[in-house]
Amino acid sequence: MLARLGGQSQQQVEDLLDQLVRCRLFASWQHLREHDEIAWRLLTLRTEQRHTGKVITW
């Protein structure tokens, strides 16, 4: 649905979501095929510390 609403192909939407994970805005995303929905988790300070071992100050 996101692809249809945005006028993008499914591959383009998946590429964008992957890019959001790589730039550390999203922790992860997945396509819930049963409902044709996309779920994502935002990267939090706690998630960032767990994955990198770095302490981030805002």
PDB file of N, CA and C in Angstrom:
ATOM      1  N   MET A   1       0.820  -1.193   0.000  1.00  0.00           N
ATOM      2  CA  MET A   1       0.000   0.000   0.000  1.00  0.00           C
ATOM      3  C   MET A   1       0.868   1.263   0.000  1.00  0.00           C
ATOM      4  N   LEU A   2       1.936   1.250   0.793  1.00  0.00           N
ATOM      5  CA  LEU A   2       2.840   2.405   0.832  1.00  0.00           C
ATOM      6  C   LEU A   2       3.403   2.684  -0.562  1.00  0.00           C
ATOM      7  N   ALA A   3       3.728   1.633  -1.281  1.00  0.00           N
ATOM      8  CA  ALA A   3       4.253   1.805  -2.632  1.00  0.00           C
ATOM      9  C   ALA A   3       3.200   2.432  -3.535  1.00  0.00           C
ATOM     10  N   ARG A   4       1.982   1.970  -3.438  1.00  0.00           N
ATOM     11  CA  ARG A   4       0.907   2.522  -4.283  1.00  0.00           C
ATOM     12  C   ARG A   4       0.641   3.985  -3.931  1.00  0.00           C
ATOM     13  N   LEU A   5       0.569   4.293  -2.646  1.00  0.00           N
ATOM     14  CA  LEU A   5       0.279   5.670  -2.233  1.00  0.00           C
ATOM     15  C   LEU A   5       1.390   6.631  -2.639  1.00  0.00           C
ATOM     16  N   GLY A   6       2.616   6.161  -2.596  1.00  0.00           N
ATOM     17  CA  GLY A   6       3.751   7.017  -2.928  1.00  0.00           C
ATOM     18  C   GLY A   6       4.131   6.993  -4.390  1.00  0.00           C
ATOM     19  N   GLY A   7       3.446   6.173  -5.175  1.00  0.00           N
ATOM     20  CA  GLY A   7       3.763   6.083  -6.592  1.00  0.00           C
ATOM     21  C   GLY A   7       5.109   5.428  -6.857  1.00  0.00           C
ATOM     22  N   GLN A   8       5.567   4.582  -5.936  1.00  0.00           N
ATOM     23  CA  GLN A   8       6.856   3.910  -6.068  1.00  0.00           C
ATOM     24  C   GLN A   8       6.636   2.404  -6.230  1.00  0.00           C
ATOM     25  N   SER A   9       7.614   1.746  -6.784  1.00  0.00           N
ATOM     26  CA  SER A   9       7.541   0.291  -6.867  1.00  0.00           C
ATOM     27  C   SER A   9       7.844  -0.298  -5.495  1.00  0.00           C
ATOM     28  N   GLN A  10       7.465  -1.538  -5.312  1.00  0.00           N
ATOM     29  CA  GLN A  10       7.748  -2.205  -4.038  1.00  0.00           C
ATOM     30  C   GLN A  10       9.254  -2.247  -3.783  1.00  0.00           C
ATOM     31  N   GLN A  11      10.041  -2.478  -4.826  1.00  0.00           N
ATOM     32  CA  GLN A  11      11.496  -2.522  -4.675  1.00  0.00           C
ATOM     33  C   GLN A  11      12.049  -1.172  -4.234  1.00  0.00           C
ATOM     34  N   GLN A  12      11.513  -0.085  -4.773  1.00  0.00           N
ATOM     35  CA  GLN A  12      11.973   1.247  -4.379  1.00  0.00           C
ATOM     36  C   GLN A  12      11.670   1.522  -2.909  1.00  0.00           C
ATOM     37  N   VAL A  13      10.489   1.108  -2.449  1.00  0.00           N
ATOM     38  CA  VAL A  13      10.126   1.306  -1.046  1.00  0.00           C
ATOM     39  C   VAL A  13      11.048   0.483  -0.148  1.00  0.00           C
ATOM     40  N   GLU A  14      11.306  -0.774  -0.533  1.00  0.00           N
ATOM     41  CA  GLU A  14      12.203  -1.622   0.254  1.00  0.00           C
ATOM     42  C   GLU A  14      13.610  -1.045   0.297  1.00  0.00           C
ATOM     43  N   ASP A  15      14.073  -0.504  -0.816  1.00  0.00           N
ATOM     44  CA  ASP A  15      15.397   0.127  -0.847  1.00  0.00           C
ATOM     45  C   ASP A  15      15.449   1.333   0.086  1.00  0.00           C
ATOM     46  N   LEU A  16      14.381   2.134   0.092  1.00  0.00           N
ATOM     47  CA  LEU A  16      14.325   3.288   0.976  1.00  0.00           C
ATOM     48  C   LEU A  16      14.346   2.852   2.442  1.00  0.00           C
ATOM     49  N   LEU A  17      13.567   1.835   2.795  1.00  0.00           N
ATOM     50  CA  LEU A  17      13.543   1.353   4.175  1.00  0.00           C
ATOM     51  C   LEU A  17      14.908   0.797   4.582  1.00  0.00           C
ATOM     52  N   ASP A  18      15.563   0.082   3.664  1.00  0.00           N
ATOM     53  CA  ASP A  18      16.921  -0.411   3.951  1.00  0.00           C
ATOM     54  C   ASP A  18      17.879   0.748   4.192  1.00  0.00           C
ATOM     55  N   GLN A  19      17.730   1.811   3.412  1.00  0.00           N
ATOM     56  CA  GLN A  19      18.595   2.979   3.582  1.00  0.00           C
ATOM     57  C   GLN A  19      18.345   3.634   4.946  1.00  0.00           C
ATOM     58  N   LEU A  20      17.103   3.671   5.393  1.00  0.00           N
ATOM     59  CA  LEU A  20      16.786   4.233   6.712  1.00  0.00           C
ATOM     60  C   LEU A  20      17.397   3.402   7.831  1.00  0.00           C
ATOM     61  N   VAL A  21      17.518   2.094   7.614  1.00  0.00           N
ATOM     62  CA  VAL A  21      18.196   1.236   8.595  1.00  0.00           C
ATOM     63  C   VAL A  21      19.696   1.530   8.570  1.00  0.00           C
ATOM     64  N   ARG A  22      20.272   1.640   7.374  1.00  0.00           N
ATOM     65  CA  ARG A  22      21.706   1.899   7.264  1.00  0.00           C
ATOM     66  C   ARG A  22      22.108   3.246   7.861  1.00  0.00           C
ATOM     67  N   CYS A  23      21.256   4.255   7.728  1.00  0.00           N
ATOM     68  CA  CYS A  23      21.608   5.567   8.281  1.00  0.00           C
ATOM     69  C   CYS A  23      21.154   5.686   9.739  1.00  0.00           C
ATOM     70  N   ARG A  24      20.711   4.590  10.297  1.00  0.00           N
ATOM     71  CA  ARG A  24      20.391   4.460  11.726  1.00  0.00           C
ATOM     72  C   ARG A  24      19.198   5.289  12.194  1.00  0.00           C
ATOM     73  N   LEU A  25      18.222   5.461  11.314  1.00  0.00           N
ATOM     74  CA  LEU A  25      16.959   6.049  11.750  1.00  0.00           C
ATOM     75  C   LEU A  25      16.023   4.934  12.217  1.00  0.00           C
ATOM     76  N   PHE A  26      16.003   3.827  11.460  1.00  0.00           N
ATOM     77  CA  PHE A  26      15.228   2.646  11.832  1.00  0.00           C
ATOM     78  C   PHE A  26      16.176   1.593  12.371  1.00  0.00           C
ATOM     79  N   ALA A  27      15.728   0.866  13.398  1.00  0.00           N
ATOM     80  CA  ALA A  27      16.500  -0.278  13.886  1.00  0.00           C
ATOM     81  C   ALA A  27      16.297  -1.454  12.934  1.00  0.00           C
ATOM     82  N   SER A  28      15.062  -1.611  12.445  1.00  0.00           N
ATOM     83  CA  SER A  28      14.741  -2.698  11.520  1.00  0.00           C
ATOM     84  C   SER A  28      13.372  -2.433  10.912  1.00  0.00           C
ATOM     85  N   TRP A  29      13.057  -3.203   9.881  1.00  0.00           N
ATOM     86  CA  TRP A  29      11.726  -3.160   9.296  1.00  0.00           C
ATOM     87  C   TRP A  29      11.425  -4.537   8.740  1.00  0.00           C
ATOM     88  N   GLN A  30      10.137  -4.811   8.560  1.00  0.00           N
ATOM     89  CA  GLN A  30       9.749  -6.080   7.935  1.00  0.00           C
ATOM     90  C   GLN A  30       8.412  -5.901   7.227  1.00  0.00           C
ATOM     91  N   HIS A  31       8.238  -6.659   6.162  1.00  0.00           N
ATOM     92  CA  HIS A  31       6.991  -6.659   5.398  1.00  0.00           C
ATOM     93  C   HIS A  31       6.103  -7.754   5.984  1.00  0.00           C
ATOM     94  N   LEU A  32       4.965  -7.365   6.518  1.00  0.00           N
ATOM     95  CA  LEU A  32       3.999  -8.316   7.062  1.00  0.00           C
ATOM     96  C   LEU A  32       3.060  -8.710   5.931  1.00  0.00           C
ATOM     97  N   ARG A  33       3.452  -9.750   5.222  1.00  0.00           N
ATOM     98  CA  ARG A  33       2.746 -10.128   3.988  1.00  0.00           C
ATOM     99  C   ARG A  33       1.285 -10.515   4.229  1.00  0.00           C
ATOM    100  N   GLU A  34       1.000 -11.099   5.372  1.00  0.00           N
ATOM    101  CA  GLU A  34      -0.364 -11.533   5.668  1.00  0.00           C
ATOM    102  C   GLU A  34      -1.356 -10.371   5.586  1.00  0.00           C
ATOM    103  N   HIS A  35      -0.920  -9.183   6.021  1.00  0.00           N
ATOM    104  CA  HIS A  35      -1.782  -8.000   6.026  1.00  0.00           C
ATOM    105  C   HIS A  35      -1.338  -6.963   5.000  1.00  0.00           C
ATOM    106  N   ASP A  36      -0.283  -7.269   4.249  1.00  0.00           N
ATOM    107  CA  ASP A  36       0.321  -6.340   3.287  1.00  0.00           C
ATOM    108  C   ASP A  36       0.637  -5.007   3.953  1.00  0.00           C
ATOM    109  N   GLU A  37       1.307  -5.089   5.103  1.00  0.00           N
ATOM    110  CA  GLU A  37       1.706  -3.917   5.858  1.00  0.00           C
ATOM    111  C   GLU A  37       3.207  -3.961   6.112  1.00  0.00           C
ATOM    112  N   ILE A  38       3.755  -2.826   6.483  1.00  0.00           N
ATOM    113  CA  ILE A  38       5.165  -2.734   6.832  1.00  0.00           C
ATOM    114  C   ILE A  38       5.256  -2.310   8.294  1.00  0.00           C
ATOM    115  N   ALA A  39       6.081  -3.000   9.041  1.00  0.00           N
ATOM    116  CA  ALA A  39       6.325  -2.643  10.442  1.00  0.00           C
ATOM    117  C   ALA A  39       7.791  -2.265  10.571  1.00  0.00           C
ATOM    118  N   TRP A  40       8.062  -1.252  11.385  1.00  0.00           N
ATOM    119  CA  TRP A  40       9.446  -0.854  11.619  1.00  0.00           C
ATOM    120  C   TRP A  40       9.628  -0.496  13.076  1.00  0.00           C
ATOM    121  N   ARG A  41      10.894  -0.546  13.492  1.00  0.00           N
ATOM    122  CA  ARG A  41      11.278  -0.120  14.841  1.00  0.00           C
ATOM    123  C   ARG A  41      12.247   1.035  14.684  1.00  0.00           C
ATOM    124  N   LEU A  42      11.957   2.116  15.383  1.00  0.00           N
ATOM    125  CA  LEU A  42      12.884   3.251  15.377  1.00  0.00           C
ATOM    126  C   LEU A  42      14.108   2.889  16.204  1.00  0.00           C
ATOM    127  N   LEU A  43      15.227   3.395  15.807  1.00  0.00           N
ATOM    128  CA  LEU A  43      16.452   3.184  16.564  1.00  0.00           C
ATOM    129  C   LEU A  43      16.398   4.065  17.806  1.00  0.00           C
ATOM    130  N   THR A  44      16.602   3.478  18.949  1.00  0.00           N
ATOM    131  CA  THR A  44      16.590   4.229  20.200  1.00  0.00           C
ATOM    132  C   THR A  44      17.997   4.296  20.750  1.00  0.00           C
ATOM    133  N   LEU A  45      18.195   5.135  21.710  1.00  0.00           N
ATOM    134  CA  LEU A  45      19.495   5.253  22.350  1.00  0.00           C
ATOM    135  C   LEU A  45      19.920   3.895  22.906  1.00  0.00           C
ATOM    136  N   ARG A  46      19.007   3.204  23.545  1.00  0.00           N
ATOM    137  CA  ARG A  46      19.323   1.894  24.121  1.00  0.00           C
ATOM    138  C   ARG A  46      19.705   0.892  23.022  1.00  0.00           C
ATOM    139  N   THR A  47      18.987   0.894  21.906  1.00  0.00           N
ATOM    140  CA  THR A  47      19.305   0.002  20.791  1.00  0.00           C
ATOM    141  C   THR A  47      20.687   0.316  20.238  1.00  0.00           C
ATOM    142  N   GLU A  48      20.990   1.605  20.064  1.00  0.00           N
ATOM    143  CA  GLU A  48      22.285   2.038  19.532  1.00  0.00           C
ATOM    144  C   GLU A  48      23.419   1.582  20.443  1.00  0.00           C
ATOM    145  N   GLN A  49      23.260   1.731  21.740  1.00  0.00           N
ATOM    146  CA  GLN A  49      24.304   1.310  22.680  1.00  0.00           C
ATOM    147  C   GLN A  49      24.514  -0.198  22.606  1.00  0.00           C
ATOM    148  N   ARG A  50      23.439  -0.946  22.485  1.00  0.00           N
ATOM    149  CA  ARG A  50      23.542  -2.406  22.446  1.00  0.00           C
ATOM    150  C   ARG A  50      24.278  -2.863  21.189  1.00  0.00           C
ATOM    151  N   HIS A  51      24.032  -2.210  20.049  1.00  0.00           N
ATOM    152  CA  HIS A  51      24.634  -2.640  18.796  1.00  0.00           C
ATOM    153  C   HIS A  51      26.067  -2.142  18.605  1.00  0.00           C
ATOM    154  N   THR A  52      26.388  -0.997  19.157  1.00  0.00           N
ATOM    155  CA  THR A  52      27.715  -0.438  18.894  1.00  0.00           C
ATOM    156  C   THR A  52      28.610  -0.406  20.133  1.00  0.00           C
ATOM    157  N   GLY A  53      27.983  -0.490  21.301  1.00  0.00           N
ATOM    158  CA  GLY A  53      28.739  -0.353  22.525  1.00  0.00           C
ATOM    159  C   GLY A  53      29.106   1.091  22.824  1.00  0.00           C
ATOM    160  N   LYS A  54      28.641   2.025  21.994  1.00  0.00           N
ATOM    161  CA  LYS A  54      28.960   3.439  22.180  1.00  0.00           C
ATOM    162  C   LYS A  54      27.911   4.090  23.065  1.00  0.00           C
ATOM    163  N   VAL A  55      28.331   5.061  23.798  1.00  0.00           N
ATOM    164  CA  VAL A  55      27.411   5.875  24.579  1.00  0.00           C
ATOM    165  C   VAL A  55      27.209   7.175  23.811  1.00  0.00           C
ATOM    166  N   ILE A  56      25.954   7.501  23.586  1.00  0.00           N
ATOM    167  CA  ILE A  56      25.638   8.691  22.803  1.00  0.00           C
ATOM    168  C   ILE A  56      25.004   9.719  23.725  1.00  0.00           C
ATOM    169  N   THR A  57      25.455  10.933  23.654  1.00  0.00           N
ATOM    170  CA  THR A  57      24.862  12.017  24.443  1.00  0.00           C
ATOM    171  C   THR A  57      24.137  12.950  23.492  1.00  0.00           C
ATOM    172  N   TRP A  58      22.980  13.384  23.910  1.00  0.00           N
ATOM    173  CA  TRP A  58      22.178  14.274  23.074  1.00  0.00           C
ATOM    174  C   TRP A  58      22.313  15.676  23.527  1.00  0.00           C
TER     175      TRP A  58
END
